Amino acid sequence: MNKLTVYPANMDQETAIRMFLDALHVSYKANEIDADETNHHSASAIISAHLDKTEEQEINKEGMKLYLDDIEDN
């Protein structure tokens, strides 16, 4: 059996997940997460969204190539 870890973004999501698990008679354990862990998940979502956008730009030939030789040392 696998262990699942979920990170609801707000209290509405947390409530819905708890209700769903209760309806299925699935046992779960809730733990408080600290601010650092919350920030980590928020940062991960932002980075993921940025990477998705970058990939889309590459596919649509909207990106810009930058070569290290073009960058001047200060």
N, C-alpha and C. Protein backbone atom coordinates (compact mmCIF):
# COMPACT_ATOMS: atom_id res chain seq x y z
N MET A 1 0.84 -1.17 0.00
CA MET A 1 0.00 0.00 0.00
C MET A 1 0.89 1.24 0.00
N ASN A 2 0.46 2.28 -0.71
CA ASN A 2 1.23 3.52 -0.81
C ASN A 2 0.76 4.56 0.18
N LYS A 3 1.66 5.44 0.53
CA LYS A 3 1.35 6.59 1.38
C LYS A 3 1.18 7.78 0.45
N LEU A 4 0.12 8.54 0.63
CA LEU A 4 -0.13 9.72 -0.17
C LEU A 4 0.05 10.96 0.68
N THR A 5 0.68 11.96 0.13
CA THR A 5 0.83 13.23 0.82
C THR A 5 0.20 14.30 -0.05
N VAL A 6 -0.71 15.06 0.50
CA VAL A 6 -1.39 16.12 -0.26
C VAL A 6 -1.14 17.45 0.43
N TYR A 7 -1.17 18.53 -0.33
CA TYR A 7 -0.95 19.87 0.20
C TYR A 7 -2.08 20.78 -0.29
N PRO A 8 -3.20 20.80 0.42
CA PRO A 8 -4.29 21.69 0.00
C PRO A 8 -3.83 23.15 0.06
N ALA A 9 -4.29 23.93 -0.92
CA ALA A 9 -3.88 25.33 -1.01
C ALA A 9 -4.63 26.23 -0.05
N ASN A 10 -5.80 25.76 0.42
CA ASN A 10 -6.59 26.59 1.33
C ASN A 10 -7.49 25.69 2.17
N MET A 11 -8.22 26.30 3.09
CA MET A 11 -9.07 25.53 4.01
C MET A 11 -10.22 24.85 3.28
N ASP A 12 -10.74 25.47 2.21
CA ASP A 12 -11.83 24.84 1.45
C ASP A 12 -11.36 23.52 0.84
N GLN A 13 -10.16 23.52 0.29
CA GLN A 13 -9.62 22.28 -0.28
C GLN A 13 -9.39 21.24 0.81
N GLU A 14 -8.86 21.68 1.94
CA GLU A 14 -8.61 20.75 3.03
C GLU A 14 -9.91 20.11 3.51
N THR A 15 -10.94 20.92 3.67
CA THR A 15 -12.24 20.40 4.10
C THR A 15 -12.80 19.40 3.10
N ALA A 16 -12.72 19.73 1.81
CA ALA A 16 -13.23 18.83 0.77
C ALA A 16 -12.47 17.50 0.77
N ILE A 17 -11.16 17.56 0.94
CA ILE A 17 -10.35 16.33 0.97
C ILE A 17 -10.71 15.49 2.18
N ARG A 18 -10.86 16.13 3.33
CA ARG A 18 -11.24 15.39 4.54
C ARG A 18 -12.61 14.73 4.38
N MET A 19 -13.57 15.45 3.80
CA MET A 19 -14.91 14.90 3.59
C MET A 19 -14.86 13.70 2.63
N PHE A 20 -14.05 13.83 1.58
CA PHE A 20 -13.90 12.75 0.61
C PHE A 20 -13.30 11.50 1.28
N LEU A 21 -12.25 11.69 2.04
CA LEU A 21 -11.61 10.57 2.72
C LEU A 21 -12.54 9.94 3.75
N ASP A 22 -13.27 10.77 4.46
CA ASP A 22 -14.23 10.25 5.44
C ASP A 22 -15.32 9.44 4.75
N ALA A 23 -15.81 9.92 3.60
CA ALA A 23 -16.87 9.21 2.87
C ALA A 23 -16.39 7.85 2.39
N LEU A 24 -15.10 7.74 2.07
CA LEU A 24 -14.53 6.47 1.61
C LEU A 24 -14.02 5.62 2.78
N HIS A 25 -14.17 6.12 3.99
CA HIS A 25 -13.68 5.43 5.20
C HIS A 25 -12.17 5.16 5.11
N VAL A 26 -11.46 6.16 4.59
CA VAL A 26 -10.00 6.10 4.49
C VAL A 26 -9.43 6.80 5.72
N SER A 27 -8.56 6.11 6.44
CA SER A 27 -7.95 6.75 7.60
C SER A 27 -6.85 7.69 7.14
N TYR A 28 -6.68 8.76 7.87
CA TYR A 28 -5.64 9.74 7.55
C TYR A 28 -5.16 10.40 8.82
N LYS A 29 -4.00 11.02 8.71
CA LYS A 29 -3.40 11.73 9.83
C LYS A 29 -3.08 13.13 9.35
N ALA A 30 -3.55 14.11 10.05
CA ALA A 30 -3.30 15.51 9.68
C ALA A 30 -2.15 16.05 10.52
N ASN A 31 -1.22 16.70 9.88
CA ASN A 31 -0.08 17.34 10.55
C ASN A 31 -0.04 18.80 10.16
N GLU A 32 0.26 19.64 11.11
CA GLU A 32 0.48 21.05 10.80
C GLU A 32 1.79 21.17 10.03
N ILE A 33 1.82 22.05 9.03
CA ILE A 33 3.08 22.29 8.33
C ILE A 33 3.57 23.67 8.70
N ASP A 34 4.88 23.80 8.74
CA ASP A 34 5.44 25.08 9.15
C ASP A 34 5.54 26.01 7.94
N ALA A 35 5.84 27.26 8.21
CA ALA A 35 5.89 28.29 7.17
C ALA A 35 6.94 27.97 6.11
N ASP A 36 8.08 27.41 6.52
CA ASP A 36 9.13 27.08 5.55
C ASP A 36 8.64 26.05 4.54
N GLU A 37 7.91 25.04 5.02
CA GLU A 37 7.39 24.01 4.12
C GLU A 37 6.35 24.60 3.18
N THR A 38 5.50 25.49 3.70
CA THR A 38 4.49 26.14 2.87
C THR A 38 5.16 26.97 1.79
N ASN A 39 6.19 27.73 2.17
CA ASN A 39 6.91 28.54 1.20
C ASN A 39 7.57 27.68 0.14
N HIS A 40 8.10 26.52 0.55
CA HIS A 40 8.74 25.61 -0.39
C HIS A 40 7.74 25.14 -1.44
N HIS A 41 6.54 24.77 -1.02
CA HIS A 41 5.54 24.29 -1.97
C HIS A 41 5.06 25.41 -2.88
N SER A 42 4.94 26.62 -2.35
CA SER A 42 4.55 27.76 -3.17
C SER A 42 5.63 28.05 -4.21
N ALA A 43 6.88 28.02 -3.77
CA ALA A 43 7.99 28.26 -4.69
C ALA A 43 8.04 27.18 -5.77
N SER A 44 7.79 25.95 -5.39
CA SER A 44 7.80 24.86 -6.36
C SER A 44 6.73 25.06 -7.42
N ALA A 45 5.57 25.52 -7.01
CA ALA A 45 4.48 25.77 -7.96
C ALA A 45 4.84 26.90 -8.91
N ILE A 46 5.47 27.94 -8.39
CA ILE A 46 5.88 29.08 -9.22
C ILE A 46 6.93 28.65 -10.23
N ILE A 47 7.91 27.89 -9.78
CA ILE A 47 8.97 27.40 -10.68
C ILE A 47 8.38 26.49 -11.74
N SER A 48 7.49 25.61 -11.35
CA SER A 48 6.85 24.70 -12.30
C SER A 48 6.07 25.47 -13.36
N ALA A 49 5.32 26.49 -12.94
CA ALA A 49 4.56 27.30 -13.88
C ALA A 49 5.49 28.03 -14.84
N HIS A 50 6.61 28.53 -14.32
CA HIS A 50 7.59 29.23 -15.17
C HIS A 50 8.19 28.27 -16.19
N LEU A 51 8.53 27.06 -15.76
CA LEU A 51 9.10 26.08 -16.68
C LEU A 51 8.09 25.68 -17.76
N ASP A 52 6.82 25.55 -17.38
CA ASP A 52 5.78 25.24 -18.36
C ASP A 52 5.68 26.35 -19.40
N LYS A 53 5.71 27.60 -18.94
CA LYS A 53 5.63 28.75 -19.85
C LYS A 53 6.85 28.77 -20.77
N THR A 54 8.02 28.52 -20.22
CA THR A 54 9.25 28.51 -21.02
C THR A 54 9.20 27.43 -22.09
N GLU A 55 8.71 26.25 -21.73
CA GLU A 55 8.59 25.16 -22.69
C GLU A 55 7.61 25.52 -23.79
N GLU A 56 6.50 26.15 -23.43
CA GLU A 56 5.52 26.58 -24.42
C GLU A 56 6.11 27.61 -25.37
N GLN A 57 6.90 28.54 -24.83
CA GLN A 57 7.54 29.55 -25.67
C GLN A 57 8.52 28.89 -26.63
N GLU A 58 9.24 27.89 -26.17
CA GLU A 58 10.19 27.19 -27.04
C GLU A 58 9.46 26.48 -28.18
N ILE A 59 8.36 25.82 -27.86
CA ILE A 59 7.58 25.12 -28.87
C ILE A 59 7.04 26.10 -29.90
N ASN A 60 6.59 27.27 -29.45
CA ASN A 60 6.01 28.29 -30.34
C ASN A 60 7.06 29.21 -30.95
N LYS A 61 8.34 28.88 -30.73
CA LYS A 61 9.46 29.68 -31.25
C LYS A 61 9.38 31.13 -30.77
N GLU A 62 8.89 31.33 -29.55
CA GLU A 62 8.78 32.67 -28.97
C GLU A 62 9.94 32.98 -28.03
N GLY A 63 10.76 32.01 -27.78
CA GLY A 63 11.86 32.19 -26.84
C GLY A 63 12.99 33.01 -27.43
N MET A 64 13.97 33.30 -26.61
CA MET A 64 15.12 34.06 -27.05
C MET A 64 16.36 33.28 -26.64
N LYS A 65 17.29 33.12 -27.57
CA LYS A 65 18.53 32.44 -27.25
C LYS A 65 19.54 33.47 -26.76
N LEU A 66 20.24 33.10 -25.73
CA LEU A 66 21.27 33.96 -25.17
C LEU A 66 22.52 33.11 -25.02
N TYR A 67 23.58 33.57 -25.64
CA TYR A 67 24.85 32.84 -25.59
C TYR A 67 25.77 33.48 -24.56
N LEU A 68 26.56 32.67 -23.89
CA LEU A 68 27.45 33.20 -22.87
C LEU A 68 28.45 34.20 -23.45
N ASP A 69 28.84 34.03 -24.71
CA ASP A 69 29.76 34.97 -25.35
C ASP A 69 29.15 36.38 -25.47
N ASP A 70 27.82 36.46 -25.48
CA ASP A 70 27.13 37.74 -25.59
C ASP A 70 27.09 38.52 -24.28
N ILE A 71 27.42 37.86 -23.19
CA ILE A 71 27.35 38.48 -21.88
C ILE A 71 28.73 39.05 -21.54
N GLU A 72 28.77 40.34 -21.26
CA GLU A 72 30.04 40.97 -20.92
C GLU A 72 30.32 40.84 -19.43
N ASP A 73 31.58 40.63 -19.10
CA ASP A 73 31.97 40.61 -17.69
C ASP A 73 32.02 42.03 -17.18
N ASN A 74 31.54 42.20 -15.96
CA ASN A 74 31.54 43.55 -15.34
C ASN A 74 32.73 43.70 -14.45
